[in-house]
Amino acid sequence: MKQRDIKLIDIGINLMHTSFNGDREQVLQAAEEAGVSPLIITGTSVRSSHEAMRYASKHPGKLYTTAGVHPHDAKNCTPKTLDELRRMAAGVLAIGECGLDYNRDFSPRNIQREWFEKQIQLAGELRLPLFLHERDAFGDFSGILEQNQAAILRMVVHCFTGTGRELDKYLELGCYIGITGWICDERRGVHLRDLLKNIPADKLLIETDAPFLMPRDMAGTPRTGRNEPKYLPHIAACIARHLDKPLETLAQETYTNTCRFFGIC
């Protein structure tokens, strides 16, 4: 089956990253030609969320955005941060990327937890889904979600790379699960291939997290190592293969899931 015969939505692309500054329009066109449209740009700070919204407004129906503060940037939050996110809410699909990252600890952990919980509460107030990030922080992360579960409309654990126990807990909490090109990595992603079958078909979403996480098993990988949404069909094919499922079926399921989760299409 040719790539143009399927339709996919990339739920997480960092399109405002500086690596796209020289050819952002071409990246968008190449994705559309590969059957990947629309794209959902990830907001990681107040500034990047504003930039994403301005850019997306030039491409209605082809680009959407989230708005949030990544745990790396939590240290820069001020009393005005929630008001700024609230003002953006009418033009975005979800609050996030937000969560906890104890791997890098670019922000103090207590500050990460404070702003994670505040963004959960904001999403509840606005009745918007949550776009979530977790790395090496499962205990605190899942605990905060559980404590605030009643306020959460819908949530997706973006770029899931965790264990079976973690996956079970996220599914128990009602999370959708975002899978990236990590699944294509023979060094780090092998365990995910076994866990795929534990993700209900109606809870699976797919993403590139471009420009990061280039699929390692893809022929003709660009020397720059920059991932792009046009490579999402390769990731989808890898997932379908390990699920022993036709690519057409996986594409339709994840497209439908994405439309339902974000309220688009």
C-alpha atoms as a PDB file:
ATOM      1  CA  MET A   1       0.000   0.000   0.000  1.00  0.00           C
ATOM      2  CA  LYS A   2       1.277   3.446  -0.885  1.00  0.00           C
ATOM      3  CA  GLN A   3       1.632   6.071   1.806  1.00  0.00           C
ATOM      4  CA  ARG A   4      -0.743   8.410   0.028  1.00  0.00           C
ATOM      5  CA  ASP A   5      -3.513   5.819   0.459  1.00  0.00           C
ATOM      6  CA  ILE A   6      -3.625   6.296   4.232  1.00  0.00           C
ATOM      7  CA  LYS A   7      -4.474   9.253   6.447  1.00  0.00           C
ATOM      8  CA  LEU A   8      -2.644   9.895   9.682  1.00  0.00           C
ATOM      9  CA  ILE A   9      -2.529  12.690  12.238  1.00  0.00           C
ATOM     10  CA  ASP A  10       0.725  13.539  14.028  1.00  0.00           C
ATOM     11  CA  ILE A  11      -0.402  14.370  17.573  1.00  0.00           C
ATOM     12  CA  GLY A  12       2.952  15.781  18.626  1.00  0.00           C
ATOM     13  CA  ILE A  13       5.384  17.802  16.545  1.00  0.00           C
ATOM     14  CA  ASN A  14       7.681  20.560  17.820  1.00  0.00           C
ATOM     15  CA  LEU A  15       7.224  22.550  14.630  1.00  0.00           C
ATOM     16  CA  MET A  16       8.460  25.803  16.133  1.00  0.00           C
ATOM     17  CA  HIS A  17      11.842  24.222  16.939  1.00  0.00           C
ATOM     18  CA  THR A  18      14.747  26.176  15.457  1.00  0.00           C
ATOM     19  CA  SER A  19      15.719  23.249  13.221  1.00  0.00           C
ATOM     20  CA  PHE A  20      12.595  24.005  11.155  1.00  0.00           C
ATOM     21  CA  ASN A  21      13.256  27.725  10.803  1.00  0.00           C
ATOM     22  CA  GLY A  22      14.604  27.425   7.264  1.00  0.00           C
ATOM     23  CA  ASP A  23      11.954  25.180   5.702  1.00  0.00           C
ATOM     24  CA  ARG A  24       8.850  25.033   7.895  1.00  0.00           C
ATOM     25  CA  GLU A  25       6.468  25.420   4.960  1.00  0.00           C
ATOM     26  CA  GLN A  26       8.197  22.648   3.032  1.00  0.00           C
ATOM     27  CA  VAL A  27       7.976  20.345   6.062  1.00  0.00           C
ATOM     28  CA  LEU A  28       4.242  20.959   6.251  1.00  0.00           C
ATOM     29  CA  GLN A  29       3.814  20.291   2.516  1.00  0.00           C
ATOM     30  CA  ALA A  30       5.901  17.095   2.634  1.00  0.00           C
ATOM     31  CA  ALA A  31       3.788  15.806   5.516  1.00  0.00           C
ATOM     32  CA  GLU A  32       0.575  16.466   3.633  1.00  0.00           C
ATOM     33  CA  GLU A  33       1.926  14.695   0.549  1.00  0.00           C
ATOM     34  CA  ALA A  34       2.721  11.683   2.769  1.00  0.00           C
ATOM     35  CA  GLY A  35      -0.873  11.584   4.017  1.00  0.00           C
ATOM     36  CA  VAL A  36      -0.052  13.127   7.392  1.00  0.00           C
ATOM     37  CA  SER A  37      -2.511  15.950   8.011  1.00  0.00           C
ATOM     38  CA  PRO A  38      -3.478  17.754  10.116  1.00  0.00           C
ATOM     39  CA  LEU A  39      -0.539  18.197  12.482  1.00  0.00           C
ATOM     40  CA  ILE A  40      -0.804  19.146  16.146  1.00  0.00           C
ATOM     41  CA  ILE A  41       2.007  21.438  17.305  1.00  0.00           C
ATOM     42  CA  THR A  42       3.167  20.927  20.877  1.00  0.00           C
ATOM     43  CA  GLY A  43       3.308  23.984  23.118  1.00  0.00           C
ATOM     44  CA  THR A  44       6.129  23.715  25.671  1.00  0.00           C
ATOM     45  CA  SER A  45       6.170  27.210  27.173  1.00  0.00           C
ATOM     46  CA  VAL A  46       4.021  30.314  27.100  1.00  0.00           C
ATOM     47  CA  ARG A  47       6.247  31.791  24.415  1.00  0.00           C
ATOM     48  CA  SER A  48       6.340  28.700  22.192  1.00  0.00           C
ATOM     49  CA  SER A  49       2.598  28.231  22.592  1.00  0.00           C
ATOM     50  CA  HIS A  50       1.985  31.791  21.385  1.00  0.00           C
ATOM     51  CA  GLU A  51       4.342  31.250  18.438  1.00  0.00           C
ATOM     52  CA  ALA A  52       2.609  27.990  17.529  1.00  0.00           C
ATOM     53  CA  MET A  53      -0.823  29.604  17.635  1.00  0.00           C
ATOM     54  CA  ARG A  54       0.282  32.461  15.380  1.00  0.00           C
ATOM     55  CA  TYR A  55       1.778  30.060  12.856  1.00  0.00           C
ATOM     56  CA  ALA A  56      -1.166  27.641  12.960  1.00  0.00           C
ATOM     57  CA  SER A  57      -3.582  30.502  12.283  1.00  0.00           C
ATOM     58  CA  LYS A  58      -2.043  30.757   8.788  1.00  0.00           C
ATOM     59  CA  HIS A  59      -2.966  27.128   8.065  1.00  0.00           C
ATOM     60  CA  PRO A  60      -6.533  26.570   9.291  1.00  0.00           C
ATOM     61  CA  GLY A  61      -7.587  22.946   9.236  1.00  0.00           C
ATOM     62  CA  LYS A  62      -4.010  21.788   8.625  1.00  0.00           C
ATOM     63  CA  LEU A  63      -2.360  22.868  11.875  1.00  0.00           C
ATOM     64  CA  TYR A  64      -3.602  22.826  15.450  1.00  0.00           C
ATOM     65  CA  THR A  65      -1.768  23.491  18.705  1.00  0.00           C
ATOM     66  CA  THR A  66      -1.631  22.752  22.389  1.00  0.00           C
ATOM     67  CA  ALA A  67      -0.620  25.297  25.027  1.00  0.00           C
ATOM     68  CA  GLY A  68       1.299  24.476  28.161  1.00  0.00           C
ATOM     69  CA  VAL A  69       4.517  24.542  30.143  1.00  0.00           C
ATOM     70  CA  HIS A  70       6.909  21.596  29.903  1.00  0.00           C
ATOM     71  CA  PRO A  71       8.463  20.578  33.249  1.00  0.00           C
ATOM     72  CA  HIS A  72      11.853  21.770  31.968  1.00  0.00           C
ATOM     73  CA  ASP A  73      10.401  25.291  31.796  1.00  0.00           C
ATOM     74  CA  ALA A  74       8.399  25.178  35.044  1.00  0.00           C
ATOM     75  CA  LYS A  75      11.081  27.207  36.831  1.00  0.00           C
ATOM     76  CA  ASN A  76      10.206  30.169  34.615  1.00  0.00           C
ATOM     77  CA  CYS A  77       6.520  30.224  35.542  1.00  0.00           C
ATOM     78  CA  THR A  78       5.158  33.353  37.225  1.00  0.00           C
ATOM     79  CA  PRO A  79       1.807  34.333  38.746  1.00  0.00           C
ATOM     80  CA  LYS A  80       0.815  35.454  35.226  1.00  0.00           C
ATOM     81  CA  THR A  81       1.438  32.077  33.589  1.00  0.00           C
ATOM     82  CA  LEU A  82      -1.991  30.550  34.196  1.00  0.00           C
ATOM     83  CA  ASP A  83      -3.738  33.701  32.990  1.00  0.00           C
ATOM     84  CA  GLU A  84      -1.696  33.628  29.780  1.00  0.00           C
ATOM     85  CA  LEU A  85      -2.528  29.965  29.192  1.00  0.00           C
ATOM     86  CA  ARG A  86      -6.174  30.659  29.962  1.00  0.00           C
ATOM     87  CA  ARG A  87      -6.272  33.429  27.353  1.00  0.00           C
ATOM     88  CA  MET A  88      -4.894  31.022  24.751  1.00  0.00           C
ATOM     89  CA  ALA A  89      -7.365  28.287  25.587  1.00  0.00           C
ATOM     90  CA  ALA A  90      -9.996  29.199  23.012  1.00  0.00           C
ATOM     91  CA  GLY A  91      -7.489  28.628  20.210  1.00  0.00           C
ATOM     92  CA  VAL A  92      -5.890  25.338  21.289  1.00  0.00           C
ATOM     93  CA  LEU A  93      -6.888  21.673  21.486  1.00  0.00           C
ATOM     94  CA  ALA A  94      -5.305  20.734  24.824  1.00  0.00           C
ATOM     95  CA  ILE A  95      -3.307  21.937  27.803  1.00  0.00           C
ATOM     96  CA  GLY A  96       0.279  20.738  27.736  1.00  0.00           C
ATOM     97  CA  GLU A  97       2.904  19.575  27.223  1.00  0.00           C
ATOM     98  CA  CYS A  98       2.954  19.363  30.998  1.00  0.00           C
ATOM     99  CA  GLY A  99       4.064  16.818  33.559  1.00  0.00           C
ATOM    100  CA  LEU A 100       7.222  15.770  35.400  1.00  0.00           C
ATOM    101  CA  ASP A 101      10.785  15.095  34.243  1.00  0.00           C
ATOM    102  CA  TYR A 102      13.136  13.767  36.920  1.00  0.00           C
ATOM    103  CA  ASN A 103      15.686  12.645  34.336  1.00  0.00           C
ATOM    104  CA  ARG A 104      17.019  16.081  33.510  1.00  0.00           C
ATOM    105  CA  ASP A 105      15.739  18.044  36.531  1.00  0.00           C
ATOM    106  CA  PHE A 106      16.033  21.314  34.632  1.00  0.00           C
ATOM    107  CA  SER A 107      13.429  22.660  37.070  1.00  0.00           C
ATOM    108  CA  PRO A 108      13.343  21.817  40.797  1.00  0.00           C
ATOM    109  CA  ARG A 109      11.057  18.875  41.445  1.00  0.00           C
ATOM    110  CA  ASN A 110       8.780  20.714  43.857  1.00  0.00           C
ATOM    111  CA  ILE A 111       8.287  23.439  41.220  1.00  0.00           C
ATOM    112  CA  GLN A 112       7.565  20.822  38.565  1.00  0.00           C
ATOM    113  CA  ARG A 113       4.890  19.234  40.760  1.00  0.00           C
ATOM    114  CA  GLU A 114       3.319  22.586  41.590  1.00  0.00           C
ATOM    115  CA  TRP A 115       2.942  23.651  37.959  1.00  0.00           C
ATOM    116  CA  PHE A 116       1.889  20.220  36.783  1.00  0.00           C
ATOM    117  CA  GLU A 117      -0.999  20.231  39.213  1.00  0.00           C
ATOM    118  CA  LYS A 118      -1.937  23.802  38.343  1.00  0.00           C
ATOM    119  CA  GLN A 119      -2.130  22.927  34.650  1.00  0.00           C
ATOM    120  CA  ILE A 120      -4.265  19.865  35.404  1.00  0.00           C
ATOM    121  CA  GLN A 121      -6.657  22.077  37.321  1.00  0.00           C
ATOM    122  CA  LEU A 122      -6.667  24.646  34.513  1.00  0.00           C
ATOM    123  CA  ALA A 123      -7.510  21.960  31.957  1.00  0.00           C
ATOM    124  CA  GLY A 124     -10.351  20.831  34.202  1.00  0.00           C
ATOM    125  CA  GLU A 125     -11.638  24.372  34.513  1.00  0.00           C
ATOM    126  CA  LEU A 126     -11.515  24.856  30.736  1.00  0.00           C
ATOM    127  CA  ARG A 127     -12.759  21.316  29.906  1.00  0.00           C
ATOM    128  CA  LEU A 128      -9.738  20.638  27.719  1.00  0.00           C
ATOM    129  CA  PRO A 129      -7.720  17.414  27.380  1.00  0.00           C
ATOM    130  CA  LEU A 130      -4.203  17.090  28.784  1.00  0.00           C
ATOM    131  CA  PHE A 131      -1.055  16.419  26.741  1.00  0.00           C
ATOM    132  CA  LEU A 132       1.307  14.804  29.247  1.00  0.00           C
ATOM    133  CA  HIS A 133       5.070  14.279  29.667  1.00  0.00           C
ATOM    134  CA  GLU A 134       6.673  11.876  32.142  1.00  0.00           C
ATOM    135  CA  ARG A 135      10.265  10.754  32.449  1.00  0.00           C
ATOM    136  CA  ASP A 136      11.708   8.933  35.451  1.00  0.00           C
ATOM    137  CA  ALA A 137       8.910  10.333  37.621  1.00  0.00           C
ATOM    138  CA  PHE A 138       6.202   7.676  37.431  1.00  0.00           C
ATOM    139  CA  GLY A 139       5.357   7.555  41.151  1.00  0.00           C
ATOM    140  CA  ASP A 140       4.738  11.266  41.640  1.00  0.00           C
ATOM    141  CA  PHE A 141       3.271  11.664  38.159  1.00  0.00           C
ATOM    142  CA  SER A 142       0.671   8.919  38.451  1.00  0.00           C
ATOM    143  CA  GLY A 143      -0.113   9.957  42.019  1.00  0.00           C
ATOM    144  CA  ILE A 144      -0.894  13.525  40.980  1.00  0.00           C
ATOM    145  CA  LEU A 145      -3.075  12.290  38.110  1.00  0.00           C
ATOM    146  CA  GLU A 146      -4.953   9.970  40.448  1.00  0.00           C
ATOM    147  CA  GLN A 147      -5.532  12.719  42.997  1.00  0.00           C
ATOM    148  CA  ASN A 148      -6.934  15.007  40.313  1.00  0.00           C
ATOM    149  CA  GLN A 149      -8.706  12.390  38.199  1.00  0.00           C
ATOM    150  CA  ALA A 150     -12.159  13.836  38.765  1.00  0.00           C
ATOM    151  CA  ALA A 151     -11.103  17.109  37.112  1.00  0.00           C
ATOM    152  CA  ILE A 152      -9.580  15.522  33.999  1.00  0.00           C
ATOM    153  CA  LEU A 153     -11.604  15.409  30.791  1.00  0.00           C
ATOM    154  CA  ARG A 154      -9.189  13.257  28.744  1.00  0.00           C
ATOM    155  CA  MET A 155      -5.416  12.746  28.820  1.00  0.00           C
ATOM    156  CA  VAL A 156      -2.687  11.266  26.674  1.00  0.00           C
ATOM    157  CA  VAL A 157       0.710  10.141  27.950  1.00  0.00           C
ATOM    158  CA  HIS A 158       2.796  11.508  25.097  1.00  0.00           C
ATOM    159  CA  CYS A 159       5.823   9.518  23.906  1.00  0.00           C
ATOM    160  CA  PHE A 160       5.248   6.538  26.180  1.00  0.00           C
ATOM    161  CA  THR A 161       8.439   4.531  26.751  1.00  0.00           C
ATOM    162  CA  GLY A 162       7.686   2.994  30.123  1.00  0.00           C
ATOM    163  CA  THR A 163       7.204  -0.434  31.654  1.00  0.00           C
ATOM    164  CA  GLY A 164       4.254  -2.794  31.599  1.00  0.00           C
ATOM    165  CA  ARG A 165       3.359  -1.843  35.167  1.00  0.00           C
ATOM    166  CA  GLU A 166       3.356   1.826  34.236  1.00  0.00           C
ATOM    167  CA  LEU A 167       1.238   1.178  31.155  1.00  0.00           C
ATOM    168  CA  ASP A 168      -1.298  -0.751  33.217  1.00  0.00           C
ATOM    169  CA  LYS A 169      -1.599   2.149  35.661  1.00  0.00           C
ATOM    170  CA  TYR A 170      -2.037   4.724  32.914  1.00  0.00           C
ATOM    171  CA  LEU A 171      -4.758   2.647  31.291  1.00  0.00           C
ATOM    172  CA  GLU A 172      -6.435   2.188  34.676  1.00  0.00           C
ATOM    173  CA  LEU A 173      -6.494   5.990  34.950  1.00  0.00           C
ATOM    174  CA  GLY A 174      -8.126   6.219  31.513  1.00  0.00           C
ATOM    175  CA  CYS A 175      -5.105   7.588  29.654  1.00  0.00           C
ATOM    176  CA  TYR A 176      -4.607   7.427  25.930  1.00  0.00           C
ATOM    177  CA  ILE A 177      -1.091   6.311  24.978  1.00  0.00           C
ATOM    178  CA  GLY A 178       1.115   8.113  22.439  1.00  0.00           C
ATOM    179  CA  ILE A 179       3.700   5.984  20.613  1.00  0.00           C
ATOM    180  CA  THR A 180       6.620   7.504  18.683  1.00  0.00           C
ATOM    181  CA  GLY A 181       9.527   6.280  16.587  1.00  0.00           C
ATOM    182  CA  TRP A 182      11.037   4.946  19.826  1.00  0.00           C
ATOM    183  CA  ILE A 183       9.252   1.746  18.780  1.00  0.00           C
ATOM    184  CA  CYS A 184      11.648   1.563  15.815  1.00  0.00           C
ATOM    185  CA  ASP A 185      14.779   1.659  17.988  1.00  0.00           C
ATOM    186  CA  GLU A 186      16.404  -1.771  18.328  1.00  0.00           C
ATOM    187  CA  ARG A 187      18.462  -0.514  21.297  1.00  0.00           C
ATOM    188  CA  ARG A 188      15.759   0.987  23.489  1.00  0.00           C
ATOM    189  CA  GLY A 189      12.333   0.264  22.014  1.00  0.00           C
ATOM    190  CA  VAL A 190      12.187  -3.521  21.870  1.00  0.00           C
ATOM    191  CA  HIS A 191      10.177  -3.871  25.093  1.00  0.00           C
ATOM    192  CA  LEU A 192       7.521  -1.540  23.681  1.00  0.00           C
ATOM    193  CA  ARG A 193       6.829  -3.978  20.870  1.00  0.00           C
ATOM    194  CA  ASP A 194       5.610  -6.534  23.398  1.00  0.00           C
ATOM    195  CA  LEU A 195       3.548  -3.935  25.272  1.00  0.00           C
ATOM    196  CA  LEU A 196       1.690  -2.712  22.182  1.00  0.00           C
ATOM    197  CA  LYS A 197      -0.801  -5.573  22.417  1.00  0.00           C
ATOM    198  CA  ASN A 198      -1.792  -4.374  25.898  1.00  0.00           C
ATOM    199  CA  ILE A 199      -2.932  -0.986  24.590  1.00  0.00           C
ATOM    200  CA  PRO A 200      -6.634  -1.079  23.679  1.00  0.00           C
ATOM    201  CA  ALA A 201      -7.190  -0.196  20.023  1.00  0.00           C
ATOM    202  CA  ASP A 202      -9.303   2.804  21.034  1.00  0.00           C
ATOM    203  CA  LYS A 203      -6.565   4.229  23.302  1.00  0.00           C
ATOM    204  CA  LEU A 204      -3.632   4.294  20.872  1.00  0.00           C
ATOM    205  CA  LEU A 205      -2.355   7.554  19.333  1.00  0.00           C
ATOM    206  CA  ILE A 206       0.754   8.034  17.167  1.00  0.00           C
ATOM    207  CA  GLU A 207       3.270  10.830  16.850  1.00  0.00           C
ATOM    208  CA  THR A 208       6.746  11.747  15.670  1.00  0.00           C
ATOM    209  CA  ASP A 209       7.835  14.207  18.403  1.00  0.00           C
ATOM    210  CA  ALA A 210       9.804  15.766  15.527  1.00  0.00           C
ATOM    211  CA  PRO A 211      12.499  16.963  15.198  1.00  0.00           C
ATOM    212  CA  PHE A 212      13.434  14.366  17.838  1.00  0.00           C
ATOM    213  CA  LEU A 213      13.284  10.540  17.803  1.00  0.00           C
ATOM    214  CA  MET A 214      14.090   9.806  14.177  1.00  0.00           C
ATOM    215  CA  PRO A 215      13.113   6.153  13.470  1.00  0.00           C
ATOM    216  CA  ARG A 216      16.432   4.281  13.538  1.00  0.00           C
ATOM    217  CA  ASP A 217      15.342   1.461  11.258  1.00  0.00           C
ATOM    218  CA  MET A 218      14.320   3.674   8.350  1.00  0.00           C
ATOM    219  CA  ALA A 219      16.309   3.453   5.132  1.00  0.00           C
ATOM    220  CA  GLY A 220      17.724   6.687   3.796  1.00  0.00           C
ATOM    221  CA  THR A 221      17.782   8.474   7.144  1.00  0.00           C
ATOM    222  CA  PRO A 222      18.860  12.092   6.543  1.00  0.00           C
ATOM    223  CA  ARG A 223      22.339  12.910   7.768  1.00  0.00           C
ATOM    224  CA  THR A 224      20.951  15.770   9.841  1.00  0.00           C
ATOM    225  CA  GLY A 225      19.032  13.256  11.975  1.00  0.00           C
ATOM    226  CA  ARG A 226      16.053  15.588  11.981  1.00  0.00           C
ATOM    227  CA  ASN A 227      12.743  13.787  12.305  1.00  0.00           C
ATOM    228  CA  GLU A 228       9.719  15.060  10.359  1.00  0.00           C
ATOM    229  CA  PRO A 229       5.989  14.301  10.300  1.00  0.00           C
ATOM    230  CA  LYS A 230       6.347  12.811   6.821  1.00  0.00           C
ATOM    231  CA  TYR A 231       7.983   9.828   8.524  1.00  0.00           C
ATOM    232  CA  LEU A 232       4.878   9.036  10.584  1.00  0.00           C
ATOM    233  CA  PRO A 233       3.699   6.396   8.048  1.00  0.00           C
ATOM    234  CA  HIS A 234       6.937   4.500   8.699  1.00  0.00           C
ATOM    235  CA  ILE A 235       6.246   4.554  12.449  1.00  0.00           C
ATOM    236  CA  ALA A 236       2.659   3.474  11.859  1.00  0.00           C
ATOM    237  CA  ALA A 237       3.824   0.591   9.671  1.00  0.00           C
ATOM    238  CA  CYS A 238       6.207  -0.560  12.387  1.00  0.00           C
ATOM    239  CA  ILE A 239       3.416  -0.488  14.984  1.00  0.00           C
ATOM    240  CA  ALA A 240       1.019  -2.323  12.659  1.00  0.00           C
ATOM    241  CA  ARG A 241       3.620  -4.992  11.951  1.00  0.00           C
ATOM    242  CA  HIS A 242       4.194  -5.708  15.632  1.00  0.00           C
ATOM    243  CA  LEU A 243       0.449  -5.809  16.253  1.00  0.00           C
ATOM    244  CA  ASP A 244       0.023  -8.154  13.293  1.00  0.00           C
ATOM    245  CA  LYS A 245      -2.577  -5.737  11.978  1.00  0.00           C
ATOM    246  CA  PRO A 246      -3.051  -4.240   8.487  1.00  0.00           C
ATOM    247  CA  LEU A 247      -1.646  -0.735   8.210  1.00  0.00           C
ATOM    248  CA  GLU A 248      -4.990   0.445   6.802  1.00  0.00           C
ATOM    249  CA  THR A 249      -6.732  -0.723   9.969  1.00  0.00           C
ATOM    250  CA  LEU A 250      -4.205   0.875  12.317  1.00  0.00           C
ATOM    251  CA  ALA A 251      -4.330   4.137  10.356  1.00  0.00           C
ATOM    252  CA  GLN A 252      -8.124   4.299  10.545  1.00  0.00           C
ATOM    253  CA  GLU A 253      -8.180   3.423  14.247  1.00  0.00           C
ATOM    254  CA  THR A 254      -5.579   5.998  15.269  1.00  0.00           C
ATOM    255  CA  TYR A 255      -7.108   8.678  13.053  1.00  0.00           C
ATOM    256  CA  THR A 256     -10.505   8.081  14.672  1.00  0.00           C
ATOM    257  CA  ASN A 257      -8.963   8.046  18.155  1.00  0.00           C
ATOM    258  CA  THR A 258      -7.204  11.347  17.516  1.00  0.00           C
ATOM    259  CA  CYS A 259     -10.370  13.004  16.239  1.00  0.00           C
ATOM    260  CA  ARG A 260     -12.251  11.815  19.306  1.00  0.00           C
ATOM    261  CA  PHE A 261      -9.534  12.797  21.786  1.00  0.00           C
ATOM    262  CA  PHE A 262      -8.950  16.315  20.476  1.00  0.00           C
ATOM    263  CA  GLY A 263     -12.473  17.019  19.204  1.00  0.00           C
ATOM    264  CA  ILE A 264     -11.429  17.657  15.607  1.00  0.00           C
ATOM    265  CA  CYS A 265     -12.217  16.199  12.143  1.00  0.00           C
END
